Amino acid sequence: MSKAIVTTTIYSVSEATIKFATFKDWHLYIVGDTKTPHDEYNDFCKDKDNVTYLSPEYQEEHFKEISDLIGWKSIQRRNIGFLQALKDGAQIIASVDDDNIPLDNWGQDIMIGKPTNVYYYESDEIAFDPIGVTNYSHLWHRGFPIQNLHERNNKYKITRKTIIPDIQADFWNGDPDIDAVCRLEHKPMCFFDDKYFPLATNTFSPFNSQNTFFSREAMKKYFVVPYPGIGRMDDIWPSYYIQSLGFNVLYNKATVFQDRNIQDLTKNLTMEYIGYEKTKDLLPELKKKSENFKQFLPERSEQFMDKYLSITENM
């Protein structure tokens, strides 16, 4: 089965990127931007059959319309890596960040398309927080509606259930993907206990584009929404959208250590405000009809979504 890893970067080759390139049964696509040190990545790829660097020139030549809608200096250029992986026939696609160092177990327990017994959290609530049921119950996932925080840990029933996942969101030791308020308050260093995984839920739950595996069919419907106007909900809101289409998500144990790139947490807070304000309204609308997603997008983002899905529909 063809398997691909997609990342984007503006930095020099990282420890994470070096290690991802050692997984010979995966093809690594590195999507460049205008600030990326291109010569360094061209040299890095020279002797590696399983690594491809997508230069800005390549992106402009092969994905011009999508490139224009995304714009430069944008982490959402990873979408072009998704399209390239799909074009090349990948059946499993992993979306990763270049500051998430893969552990030795990375990619070793892929459950996509396989009947898998999970801890199943049944809830009548509109959203479920996967971090809140681990050994870090005081933390919460980026993009979880903060209006539900006060009662999120006592609004479910735990059972065992067999599901067939389309998407597998692996966790991250180190500095995990919590929202800016949570990070400013706690500044955690986490090591998630394996005993809580795998887990799934019957309601909406957030996942990100940092360490997540997709089936080919799921990847055709998932994308990262380009700025401006959506901030750091760029990968979270599409995670809710794809669940509204009926794709199943499974959360698995940590398989990376996040050595988080330097971030301005106050800026992150500002960029996450749209989620604090509107996620509570988005989820009920998605529950009614997946097409309602578009009404929450800026015009340019809606144009991008239409174009991206028109391309993947024929892949």
C-alpha atoms as a PDB file:
ATOM      1  CA  MET A   1       0.000   0.000   0.000  1.00  0.00           C
ATOM      2  CA  SER A   2       1.357   3.425  -0.985  1.00  0.00           C
ATOM      3  CA  LYS A   3       1.868   5.658   2.063  1.00  0.00           C
ATOM      4  CA  ALA A   4       2.804   9.339   2.133  1.00  0.00           C
ATOM      5  CA  ILE A   5       3.891  11.931   4.677  1.00  0.00           C
ATOM      6  CA  VAL A   6       3.202  15.621   4.013  1.00  0.00           C
ATOM      7  CA  THR A   7       4.788  18.561   5.786  1.00  0.00           C
ATOM      8  CA  THR A   8       5.601  22.193   5.049  1.00  0.00           C
ATOM      9  CA  THR A   9       8.364  24.360   6.445  1.00  0.00           C
ATOM     10  CA  ILE A  10      10.210  27.670   6.297  1.00  0.00           C
ATOM     11  CA  TYR A  11      13.060  26.420   8.485  1.00  0.00           C
ATOM     12  CA  SER A  12      16.244  24.470   7.914  1.00  0.00           C
ATOM     13  CA  VAL A  13      15.974  20.696   7.854  1.00  0.00           C
ATOM     14  CA  SER A  14      14.789  19.702  11.336  1.00  0.00           C
ATOM     15  CA  GLU A  15      15.434  16.649  13.477  1.00  0.00           C
ATOM     16  CA  ALA A  16      11.843  15.591  12.794  1.00  0.00           C
ATOM     17  CA  THR A  17      12.235  15.880   9.009  1.00  0.00           C
ATOM     18  CA  ILE A  18      15.480  13.878   9.086  1.00  0.00           C
ATOM     19  CA  LYS A  19      13.785  11.075  10.985  1.00  0.00           C
ATOM     20  CA  PHE A  20      10.639  11.043   8.829  1.00  0.00           C
ATOM     21  CA  ALA A  21      12.910  10.570   5.821  1.00  0.00           C
ATOM     22  CA  THR A  22      14.251   7.332   7.335  1.00  0.00           C
ATOM     23  CA  PHE A  23      10.876   5.597   7.035  1.00  0.00           C
ATOM     24  CA  LYS A  24      11.550   3.927   3.688  1.00  0.00           C
ATOM     25  CA  ASP A  25       8.026   2.537   3.299  1.00  0.00           C
ATOM     26  CA  TRP A  26       6.652   6.101   3.379  1.00  0.00           C
ATOM     27  CA  HIS A  27       7.177   8.821   0.768  1.00  0.00           C
ATOM     28  CA  LEU A  28       7.885  12.211   2.350  1.00  0.00           C
ATOM     29  CA  TYR A  29       6.653  15.353   0.571  1.00  0.00           C
ATOM     30  CA  ILE A  30       8.141  18.616   1.838  1.00  0.00           C
ATOM     31  CA  VAL A  31       6.231  21.673   0.635  1.00  0.00           C
ATOM     32  CA  GLY A  32       8.382  24.773   0.342  1.00  0.00           C
ATOM     33  CA  ASP A  33       7.485  28.433   0.750  1.00  0.00           C
ATOM     34  CA  THR A  34       9.219  31.640  -0.271  1.00  0.00           C
ATOM     35  CA  LYS A  35      11.274  31.728   2.956  1.00  0.00           C
ATOM     36  CA  THR A  36      12.293  28.055   2.838  1.00  0.00           C
ATOM     37  CA  PRO A  37      16.049  27.447   2.281  1.00  0.00           C
ATOM     38  CA  HIS A  38      15.517  25.758  -1.098  1.00  0.00           C
ATOM     39  CA  ASP A  39      19.129  24.737  -1.792  1.00  0.00           C
ATOM     40  CA  GLU A  40      19.301  22.984   1.565  1.00  0.00           C
ATOM     41  CA  TYR A  41      16.198  20.929   0.798  1.00  0.00           C
ATOM     42  CA  ASN A  42      17.307  20.140  -2.745  1.00  0.00           C
ATOM     43  CA  ASP A  43      20.564  18.795  -1.293  1.00  0.00           C
ATOM     44  CA  PHE A  44      18.670  16.887   1.393  1.00  0.00           C
ATOM     45  CA  CYS A  45      16.577  15.094  -1.245  1.00  0.00           C
ATOM     46  CA  LYS A  46      19.397  14.266  -3.655  1.00  0.00           C
ATOM     47  CA  ASP A  47      20.202  10.750  -2.446  1.00  0.00           C
ATOM     48  CA  LYS A  48      16.725   9.860  -1.144  1.00  0.00           C
ATOM     49  CA  ASP A  49      14.267   8.085  -3.425  1.00  0.00           C
ATOM     50  CA  ASN A  50      11.483   8.450  -0.866  1.00  0.00           C
ATOM     51  CA  VAL A  51      11.705  12.244  -0.343  1.00  0.00           C
ATOM     52  CA  THR A  52      10.385  14.947  -2.675  1.00  0.00           C
ATOM     53  CA  TYR A  53      10.802  18.692  -2.220  1.00  0.00           C
ATOM     54  CA  LEU A  54       8.020  20.731  -3.837  1.00  0.00           C
ATOM     55  CA  SER A  55       9.654  24.054  -4.641  1.00  0.00           C
ATOM     56  CA  PRO A  56       7.633  27.250  -5.117  1.00  0.00           C
ATOM     57  CA  GLU A  57       8.367  27.020  -8.853  1.00  0.00           C
ATOM     58  CA  TYR A  58       7.001  23.462  -8.980  1.00  0.00           C
ATOM     59  CA  GLN A  59       3.879  24.474  -7.078  1.00  0.00           C
ATOM     60  CA  GLU A  60       3.235  27.392  -9.408  1.00  0.00           C
ATOM     61  CA  GLU A  61       3.668  25.183 -12.463  1.00  0.00           C
ATOM     62  CA  HIS A  62       1.491  22.267 -11.332  1.00  0.00           C
ATOM     63  CA  PHE A  63      -1.014  23.787  -8.895  1.00  0.00           C
ATOM     64  CA  LYS A  64      -1.282  27.423 -10.000  1.00  0.00           C
ATOM     65  CA  GLU A  65      -4.935  28.078  -9.107  1.00  0.00           C
ATOM     66  CA  ILE A  66      -4.663  26.481  -5.671  1.00  0.00           C
ATOM     67  CA  SER A  67      -1.349  28.240  -5.060  1.00  0.00           C
ATOM     68  CA  ASP A  68      -2.878  31.632  -5.824  1.00  0.00           C
ATOM     69  CA  LEU A  69      -5.824  30.999  -3.502  1.00  0.00           C
ATOM     70  CA  ILE A  70      -3.532  29.954  -0.650  1.00  0.00           C
ATOM     71  CA  GLY A  71      -0.951  32.704  -1.028  1.00  0.00           C
ATOM     72  CA  TRP A  72       2.665  32.652   0.123  1.00  0.00           C
ATOM     73  CA  LYS A  73       4.126  32.716   3.638  1.00  0.00           C
ATOM     74  CA  SER A  74       1.333  30.340   4.630  1.00  0.00           C
ATOM     75  CA  ILE A  75       1.443  27.027   6.494  1.00  0.00           C
ATOM     76  CA  GLN A  76      -1.660  26.070   4.523  1.00  0.00           C
ATOM     77  CA  ARG A  77       0.590  25.307   1.555  1.00  0.00           C
ATOM     78  CA  ARG A  78       0.571  21.776   2.934  1.00  0.00           C
ATOM     79  CA  ASN A  79      -2.626  21.404   0.877  1.00  0.00           C
ATOM     80  CA  ILE A  80      -0.434  21.213  -2.223  1.00  0.00           C
ATOM     81  CA  GLY A  81       1.416  18.314  -0.621  1.00  0.00           C
ATOM     82  CA  PHE A  82      -1.930  16.590  -0.043  1.00  0.00           C
ATOM     83  CA  LEU A  83      -2.810  17.025  -3.714  1.00  0.00           C
ATOM     84  CA  GLN A  84       0.582  15.738  -4.874  1.00  0.00           C
ATOM     85  CA  ALA A  85       0.321  12.669  -2.644  1.00  0.00           C
ATOM     86  CA  LEU A  86      -3.170  11.938  -3.964  1.00  0.00           C
ATOM     87  CA  LYS A  87      -2.002  12.474  -7.548  1.00  0.00           C
ATOM     88  CA  ASP A  88       0.810   9.977  -6.975  1.00  0.00           C
ATOM     89  CA  GLY A  89      -1.654   7.364  -5.734  1.00  0.00           C
ATOM     90  CA  ALA A  90      -1.096   7.377  -1.967  1.00  0.00           C
ATOM     91  CA  GLN A  91      -3.650   5.296  -0.054  1.00  0.00           C
ATOM     92  CA  ILE A  92      -2.653   6.470   3.446  1.00  0.00           C
ATOM     93  CA  ILE A  93      -1.516  10.077   3.944  1.00  0.00           C
ATOM     94  CA  ALA A  94       0.009  11.426   7.143  1.00  0.00           C
ATOM     95  CA  SER A  95      -0.017  15.167   7.799  1.00  0.00           C
ATOM     96  CA  VAL A  96       2.828  16.174  10.135  1.00  0.00           C
ATOM     97  CA  ASP A  97       4.663  19.260  11.398  1.00  0.00           C
ATOM     98  CA  ASP A  98       8.413  19.712  11.195  1.00  0.00           C
ATOM     99  CA  ASP A  99       8.670  20.209  14.974  1.00  0.00           C
ATOM    100  CA  ASN A 100       7.001  16.868  15.803  1.00  0.00           C
ATOM    101  CA  ILE A 101       9.860  14.388  16.194  1.00  0.00           C
ATOM    102  CA  PRO A 102       8.596  10.865  15.419  1.00  0.00           C
ATOM    103  CA  LEU A 103       9.053   8.285  18.146  1.00  0.00           C
ATOM    104  CA  ASP A 104      10.149   4.744  17.337  1.00  0.00           C
ATOM    105  CA  ASN A 105       6.502   3.637  17.248  1.00  0.00           C
ATOM    106  CA  TRP A 106       5.468   6.213  14.621  1.00  0.00           C
ATOM    107  CA  GLY A 107       3.534   4.636  11.756  1.00  0.00           C
ATOM    108  CA  GLN A 108       3.709   1.166  13.316  1.00  0.00           C
ATOM    109  CA  ASP A 109       0.072   0.831  14.371  1.00  0.00           C
ATOM    110  CA  ILE A 110      -2.088   2.208  11.581  1.00  0.00           C
ATOM    111  CA  MET A 111      -5.708   1.196  12.154  1.00  0.00           C
ATOM    112  CA  ILE A 112      -7.303   2.998   9.197  1.00  0.00           C
ATOM    113  CA  GLY A 113      -9.743   0.732   7.389  1.00  0.00           C
ATOM    114  CA  LYS A 114      -9.426  -2.007  10.022  1.00  0.00           C
ATOM    115  CA  PRO A 115     -12.036  -3.076  12.602  1.00  0.00           C
ATOM    116  CA  THR A 116     -10.608  -1.721  15.865  1.00  0.00           C
ATOM    117  CA  ASN A 117     -11.848  -2.068  19.417  1.00  0.00           C
ATOM    118  CA  VAL A 118     -11.765   1.311  21.171  1.00  0.00           C
ATOM    119  CA  TYR A 119     -12.816   3.080  24.334  1.00  0.00           C
ATOM    120  CA  TYR A 120     -15.997   4.664  23.044  1.00  0.00           C
ATOM    121  CA  TYR A 121     -17.284   7.862  24.633  1.00  0.00           C
ATOM    122  CA  GLU A 122     -21.015   8.258  24.028  1.00  0.00           C
ATOM    123  CA  SER A 123     -22.370  11.731  24.638  1.00  0.00           C
ATOM    124  CA  ASP A 124     -25.415  13.838  23.887  1.00  0.00           C
ATOM    125  CA  GLU A 125     -23.214  16.946  23.880  1.00  0.00           C
ATOM    126  CA  ILE A 126     -22.269  18.703  20.647  1.00  0.00           C
ATOM    127  CA  ALA A 127     -18.538  18.163  21.222  1.00  0.00           C
ATOM    128  CA  PHE A 128     -16.097  15.840  22.980  1.00  0.00           C
ATOM    129  CA  ASP A 129     -12.563  16.708  24.112  1.00  0.00           C
ATOM    130  CA  PRO A 130     -10.122  13.795  23.580  1.00  0.00           C
ATOM    131  CA  ILE A 131      -7.438  15.276  25.858  1.00  0.00           C
ATOM    132  CA  GLY A 132      -9.819  15.658  28.795  1.00  0.00           C
ATOM    133  CA  VAL A 133     -10.200  11.872  29.235  1.00  0.00           C
ATOM    134  CA  THR A 134      -6.439  11.214  29.497  1.00  0.00           C
ATOM    135  CA  ASN A 135      -4.020  11.645  32.393  1.00  0.00           C
ATOM    136  CA  TYR A 136      -4.089  15.398  31.639  1.00  0.00           C
ATOM    137  CA  SER A 137      -7.757  16.057  32.332  1.00  0.00           C
ATOM    138  CA  HIS A 138      -7.107  19.727  33.136  1.00  0.00           C
ATOM    139  CA  LEU A 139      -5.952  20.436  29.557  1.00  0.00           C
ATOM    140  CA  TRP A 140      -8.103  20.680  26.440  1.00  0.00           C
ATOM    141  CA  HIS A 141      -7.584  20.355  22.693  1.00  0.00           C
ATOM    142  CA  ARG A 142      -7.190  23.409  20.485  1.00  0.00           C
ATOM    143  CA  GLY A 143     -10.541  24.150  18.894  1.00  0.00           C
ATOM    144  CA  PHE A 144     -12.768  22.561  21.529  1.00  0.00           C
ATOM    145  CA  PRO A 145     -15.617  25.032  22.200  1.00  0.00           C
ATOM    146  CA  ILE A 146     -14.625  26.801  25.410  1.00  0.00           C
ATOM    147  CA  GLN A 147     -18.273  27.372  26.333  1.00  0.00           C
ATOM    148  CA  ASN A 148     -18.424  23.612  27.072  1.00  0.00           C
ATOM    149  CA  LEU A 149     -15.300  23.429  29.215  1.00  0.00           C
ATOM    150  CA  HIS A 150     -17.005  23.545  32.608  1.00  0.00           C
ATOM    151  CA  GLU A 151     -18.817  20.224  32.131  1.00  0.00           C
ATOM    152  CA  ARG A 152     -16.841  18.424  29.437  1.00  0.00           C
ATOM    153  CA  ASN A 153     -15.455  15.689  31.741  1.00  0.00           C
ATOM    154  CA  ASN A 154     -18.767  14.372  33.084  1.00  0.00           C
ATOM    155  CA  LYS A 155     -21.017  14.334  30.021  1.00  0.00           C
ATOM    156  CA  TYR A 156     -20.321  10.927  28.509  1.00  0.00           C
ATOM    157  CA  LYS A 157     -20.710   7.173  28.997  1.00  0.00           C
ATOM    158  CA  ILE A 158     -17.688   4.940  28.379  1.00  0.00           C
ATOM    159  CA  THR A 159     -18.243   1.659  26.544  1.00  0.00           C
ATOM    160  CA  ARG A 160     -16.176  -0.629  24.327  1.00  0.00           C
ATOM    161  CA  LYS A 161     -16.985  -0.623  20.646  1.00  0.00           C
ATOM    162  CA  THR A 162     -15.504  -1.800  17.362  1.00  0.00           C
ATOM    163  CA  ILE A 163     -15.214   0.897  14.706  1.00  0.00           C
ATOM    164  CA  ILE A 164     -13.507   1.160  11.316  1.00  0.00           C
ATOM    165  CA  PRO A 165     -11.632   4.477  11.338  1.00  0.00           C
ATOM    166  CA  ASP A 166     -11.062   6.646   8.264  1.00  0.00           C
ATOM    167  CA  ILE A 167      -8.832   9.052  10.188  1.00  0.00           C
ATOM    168  CA  GLN A 168      -6.323   8.322  12.948  1.00  0.00           C
ATOM    169  CA  ALA A 169      -5.201  11.258  15.080  1.00  0.00           C
ATOM    170  CA  ASP A 170      -2.118  10.245  17.052  1.00  0.00           C
ATOM    171  CA  PHE A 171      -1.231  12.222  20.181  1.00  0.00           C
ATOM    172  CA  TRP A 172       1.972  14.147  20.917  1.00  0.00           C
ATOM    173  CA  ASN A 173       4.212  14.030  23.951  1.00  0.00           C
ATOM    174  CA  GLY A 174       6.089  17.180  24.883  1.00  0.00           C
ATOM    175  CA  ASP A 175       4.253  20.447  24.247  1.00  0.00           C
ATOM    176  CA  PRO A 176       0.856  19.207  23.003  1.00  0.00           C
ATOM    177  CA  ASP A 177      -1.749  20.827  20.751  1.00  0.00           C
ATOM    178  CA  ILE A 178      -3.771  22.693  23.342  1.00  0.00           C
ATOM    179  CA  ASP A 179      -5.291  26.112  22.750  1.00  0.00           C
ATOM    180  CA  ALA A 180      -3.582  29.393  23.601  1.00  0.00           C
ATOM    181  CA  VAL A 181      -5.534  30.059  26.804  1.00  0.00           C
ATOM    182  CA  CYS A 182      -4.683  26.587  28.063  1.00  0.00           C
ATOM    183  CA  ARG A 183      -1.007  26.932  27.100  1.00  0.00           C
ATOM    184  CA  LEU A 184      -0.654  30.378  28.657  1.00  0.00           C
ATOM    185  CA  GLU A 185      -2.137  29.088  31.909  1.00  0.00           C
ATOM    186  CA  HIS A 186      -0.385  25.712  32.193  1.00  0.00           C
ATOM    187  CA  LYS A 187       2.691  25.673  29.879  1.00  0.00           C
ATOM    188  CA  PRO A 188       2.647  21.866  30.117  1.00  0.00           C
ATOM    189  CA  MET A 189       5.197  19.200  29.286  1.00  0.00           C
ATOM    190  CA  CYS A 190       3.150  16.061  28.714  1.00  0.00           C
ATOM    191  CA  PHE A 191       3.695  12.323  28.471  1.00  0.00           C
ATOM    192  CA  PHE A 192       0.369  10.685  27.684  1.00  0.00           C
ATOM    193  CA  ASP A 193      -0.322   7.294  29.226  1.00  0.00           C
ATOM    194  CA  ASP A 194      -0.939   4.638  26.547  1.00  0.00           C
ATOM    195  CA  LYS A 195      -3.666   2.984  28.629  1.00  0.00           C
ATOM    196  CA  TYR A 196      -6.275   5.554  27.517  1.00  0.00           C
ATOM    197  CA  PHE A 197      -5.997   4.652  23.823  1.00  0.00           C
ATOM    198  CA  PRO A 198      -7.323   4.018  21.274  1.00  0.00           C
ATOM    199  CA  LEU A 199     -10.482   6.049  21.799  1.00  0.00           C
ATOM    200  CA  ALA A 200     -13.346   7.434  19.751  1.00  0.00           C
ATOM    201  CA  THR A 201     -16.662   9.193  20.239  1.00  0.00           C
ATOM    202  CA  ASN A 202     -20.115   9.498  18.700  1.00  0.00           C
ATOM    203  CA  THR A 203     -20.059  13.301  18.537  1.00  0.00           C
ATOM    204  CA  PHE A 204     -17.857  16.058  17.105  1.00  0.00           C
ATOM    205  CA  SER A 205     -14.282  16.145  18.390  1.00  0.00           C
ATOM    206  CA  PRO A 206     -11.341  18.263  17.222  1.00  0.00           C
ATOM    207  CA  PHE A 207      -8.212  16.914  15.542  1.00  0.00           C
ATOM    208  CA  ASN A 208      -5.366  18.761  13.857  1.00  0.00           C
ATOM    209  CA  SER A 209      -2.957  18.498  10.926  1.00  0.00           C
ATOM    210  CA  GLN A 210       0.137  17.838  13.075  1.00  0.00           C
ATOM    211  CA  ASN A 211       0.265  14.049  13.444  1.00  0.00           C
ATOM    212  CA  THR A 212      -2.817  12.691  11.728  1.00  0.00           C
ATOM    213  CA  PHE A 213      -3.301   9.847   9.237  1.00  0.00           C
ATOM    214  CA  PHE A 214      -6.006   9.823   6.559  1.00  0.00           C
ATOM    215  CA  SER A 215      -7.432   7.212   4.237  1.00  0.00           C
ATOM    216  CA  ARG A 216      -7.329   8.241   0.616  1.00  0.00           C
ATOM    217  CA  GLU A 217     -11.072   8.937   0.548  1.00  0.00           C
ATOM    218  CA  ALA A 218     -10.898  11.018   3.730  1.00  0.00           C
ATOM    219  CA  MET A 219      -7.936  12.995   2.381  1.00  0.00           C
ATOM    220  CA  LYS A 220     -10.007  13.942  -0.657  1.00  0.00           C
ATOM    221  CA  LYS A 221     -12.404  15.766   1.673  1.00  0.00           C
ATOM    222  CA  TYR A 222      -9.951  17.243   4.177  1.00  0.00           C
ATOM    223  CA  PHE A 223      -7.991  20.436   3.651  1.00  0.00           C
ATOM    224  CA  VAL A 224      -6.429  23.205   5.683  1.00  0.00           C
ATOM    225  CA  VAL A 225      -8.286  26.492   5.168  1.00  0.00           C
ATOM    226  CA  PRO A 226      -6.025  29.354   4.029  1.00  0.00           C
ATOM    227  CA  TYR A 227      -5.900  32.712   5.776  1.00  0.00           C
ATOM    228  CA  PRO A 228      -7.086  35.384   6.177  1.00  0.00           C
ATOM    229  CA  GLY A 229     -10.191  35.266   8.307  1.00  0.00           C
ATOM    230  CA  ILE A 230     -10.064  31.852   9.957  1.00  0.00           C
ATOM    231  CA  GLY A 231      -6.877  32.055  12.014  1.00  0.00           C
ATOM    232  CA  ARG A 232      -5.783  28.964  13.920  1.00  0.00           C
ATOM    233  CA  MET A 233      -9.029  27.172  13.190  1.00  0.00           C
ATOM    234  CA  ASP A 234      -7.533  26.478   9.737  1.00  0.00           C
ATOM    235  CA  ASP A 235      -7.164  22.742  10.418  1.00  0.00           C
ATOM    236  CA  ILE A 236      -9.664  22.350  13.282  1.00  0.00           C
ATOM    237  CA  TRP A 237     -12.825  23.501  11.532  1.00  0.00           C
ATOM    238  CA  PRO A 238     -12.171  21.178   8.555  1.00  0.00           C
ATOM    239  CA  SER A 239     -11.808  18.346  11.105  1.00  0.00           C
ATOM    240  CA  TYR A 240     -15.368  19.056  12.217  1.00  0.00           C
ATOM    241  CA  TYR A 241     -16.514  19.407   8.612  1.00  0.00           C
ATOM    242  CA  ILE A 242     -15.183  16.003   7.562  1.00  0.00           C
ATOM    243  CA  GLN A 243     -16.875  14.376  10.557  1.00  0.00           C
ATOM    244  CA  SER A 244     -20.172  15.908   9.427  1.00  0.00           C
ATOM    245  CA  LEU A 245     -19.690  13.955   6.168  1.00  0.00           C
ATOM    246  CA  GLY A 246     -19.649  10.694   8.137  1.00  0.00           C
ATOM    247  CA  PHE A 247     -15.931   9.895   8.355  1.00  0.00           C
ATOM    248  CA  ASN A 248     -14.869   8.097  11.555  1.00  0.00           C
ATOM    249  CA  VAL A 249     -12.028   9.431  13.716  1.00  0.00           C
ATOM    250  CA  LEU A 250      -9.903   7.401  16.117  1.00  0.00           C
ATOM    251  CA  TYR A 251      -7.436   8.914  18.603  1.00  0.00           C
ATOM    252  CA  ASN A 252      -4.305   6.892  19.284  1.00  0.00           C
ATOM    253  CA  LYS A 253      -1.379   7.028  21.710  1.00  0.00           C
ATOM    254  CA  ALA A 254       1.452   9.520  21.303  1.00  0.00           C
ATOM    255  CA  THR A 255       3.818   8.759  18.427  1.00  0.00           C
ATOM    256  CA  VAL A 256       5.750  12.044  18.280  1.00  0.00           C
ATOM    257  CA  PHE A 257       7.521  14.375  20.675  1.00  0.00           C
ATOM    258  CA  GLN A 258       6.583  17.958  19.939  1.00  0.00           C
ATOM    259  CA  ASP A 259       9.617  20.214  20.282  1.00  0.00           C
ATOM    260  CA  ARG A 260       7.445  23.202  19.564  1.00  0.00           C
ATOM    261  CA  ASN A 261       8.803  25.915  17.283  1.00  0.00           C
ATOM    262  CA  ILE A 262       8.994  29.318  18.986  1.00  0.00           C
ATOM    263  CA  GLN A 263       5.542  30.917  18.995  1.00  0.00           C
ATOM    264  CA  ASP A 264       4.033  34.197  20.151  1.00  0.00           C
ATOM    265  CA  LEU A 265       1.276  32.900  22.425  1.00  0.00           C
ATOM    266  CA  THR A 266      -0.499  36.242  22.563  1.00  0.00           C
ATOM    267  CA  LYS A 267      -0.618  36.282  18.758  1.00  0.00           C
ATOM    268  CA  ASN A 268      -1.880  32.686  18.828  1.00  0.00           C
ATOM    269  CA  LEU A 269      -4.598  33.747  21.253  1.00  0.00           C
ATOM    270  CA  THR A 270      -5.706  36.464  18.847  1.00  0.00           C
ATOM    271  CA  MET A 271      -5.733  33.990  15.952  1.00  0.00           C
ATOM    272  CA  GLU A 272      -7.807  31.502  17.935  1.00  0.00           C
ATOM    273  CA  TYR A 273     -10.455  34.018  18.931  1.00  0.00           C
ATOM    274  CA  ILE A 274     -12.641  33.137  15.940  1.00  0.00           C
ATOM    275  CA  GLY A 275     -12.882  29.629  17.395  1.00  0.00           C
ATOM    276  CA  TYR A 276     -13.786  30.896  20.869  1.00  0.00           C
ATOM    277  CA  GLU A 277     -16.495  33.012  19.299  1.00  0.00           C
ATOM    278  CA  LYS A 278     -17.949  30.835  16.531  1.00  0.00           C
ATOM    279  CA  THR A 279     -17.212  27.123  17.019  1.00  0.00           C
ATOM    280  CA  LYS A 280     -20.227  26.857  19.331  1.00  0.00           C
ATOM    281  CA  ASP A 281     -22.399  28.042  16.418  1.00  0.00           C
ATOM    282  CA  LEU A 282     -20.575  26.078  13.708  1.00  0.00           C
ATOM    283  CA  LEU A 283     -21.130  22.642  15.232  1.00  0.00           C
ATOM    284  CA  PRO A 284     -24.964  22.752  15.452  1.00  0.00           C
ATOM    285  CA  GLU A 285     -25.053  23.989  11.866  1.00  0.00           C
ATOM    286  CA  LEU A 286     -22.805  21.147  10.708  1.00  0.00           C
ATOM    287  CA  LYS A 287     -25.016  18.680  12.537  1.00  0.00           C
ATOM    288  CA  LYS A 288     -27.953  19.932  10.473  1.00  0.00           C
ATOM    289  CA  LYS A 289     -26.124  19.924   7.140  1.00  0.00           C
ATOM    290  CA  SER A 290     -22.442  19.664   6.185  1.00  0.00           C
ATOM    291  CA  GLU A 291     -22.877  22.301   3.468  1.00  0.00           C
ATOM    292  CA  ASN A 292     -23.484  24.883   6.206  1.00  0.00           C
ATOM    293  CA  PHE A 293     -19.710  24.924   6.707  1.00  0.00           C
ATOM    294  CA  LYS A 294     -19.341  27.429   3.885  1.00  0.00           C
ATOM    295  CA  GLN A 295     -21.298  30.143   5.651  1.00  0.00           C
ATOM    296  CA  PHE A 296     -18.544  30.340   8.286  1.00  0.00           C
ATOM    297  CA  LEU A 297     -15.764  30.842   5.726  1.00  0.00           C
ATOM    298  CA  PRO A 298     -14.412  34.084   4.258  1.00  0.00           C
ATOM    299  CA  GLU A 299     -15.070  34.396   0.514  1.00  0.00           C
ATOM    300  CA  ARG A 300     -11.525  33.523  -0.522  1.00  0.00           C
ATOM    301  CA  SER A 301     -11.529  30.442   1.722  1.00  0.00           C
ATOM    302  CA  GLU A 302     -14.831  29.328   0.239  1.00  0.00           C
ATOM    303  CA  GLN A 303     -13.344  29.687  -3.241  1.00  0.00           C
ATOM    304  CA  PHE A 304     -10.376  27.618  -2.162  1.00  0.00           C
ATOM    305  CA  MET A 305     -12.633  24.887  -0.733  1.00  0.00           C
ATOM    306  CA  ASP A 306     -14.651  24.653  -3.953  1.00  0.00           C
ATOM    307  CA  LYS A 307     -11.536  24.473  -6.111  1.00  0.00           C
ATOM    308  CA  TYR A 308      -9.746  21.944  -3.894  1.00  0.00           C
ATOM    309  CA  LEU A 309     -12.749  19.601  -3.752  1.00  0.00           C
ATOM    310  CA  SER A 310     -13.297  19.879  -7.503  1.00  0.00           C
ATOM    311  CA  ILE A 311      -9.720  18.685  -8.030  1.00  0.00           C
ATOM    312  CA  THR A 312      -9.859  15.798  -5.546  1.00  0.00           C
ATOM    313  CA  GLU A 313     -13.243  14.619  -6.810  1.00  0.00           C
ATOM    314  CA  ASN A 314     -11.591  13.392 -10.007  1.00  0.00           C
ATOM    315  CA  MET A 315      -8.552  11.756  -8.367  1.00  0.00           C
END
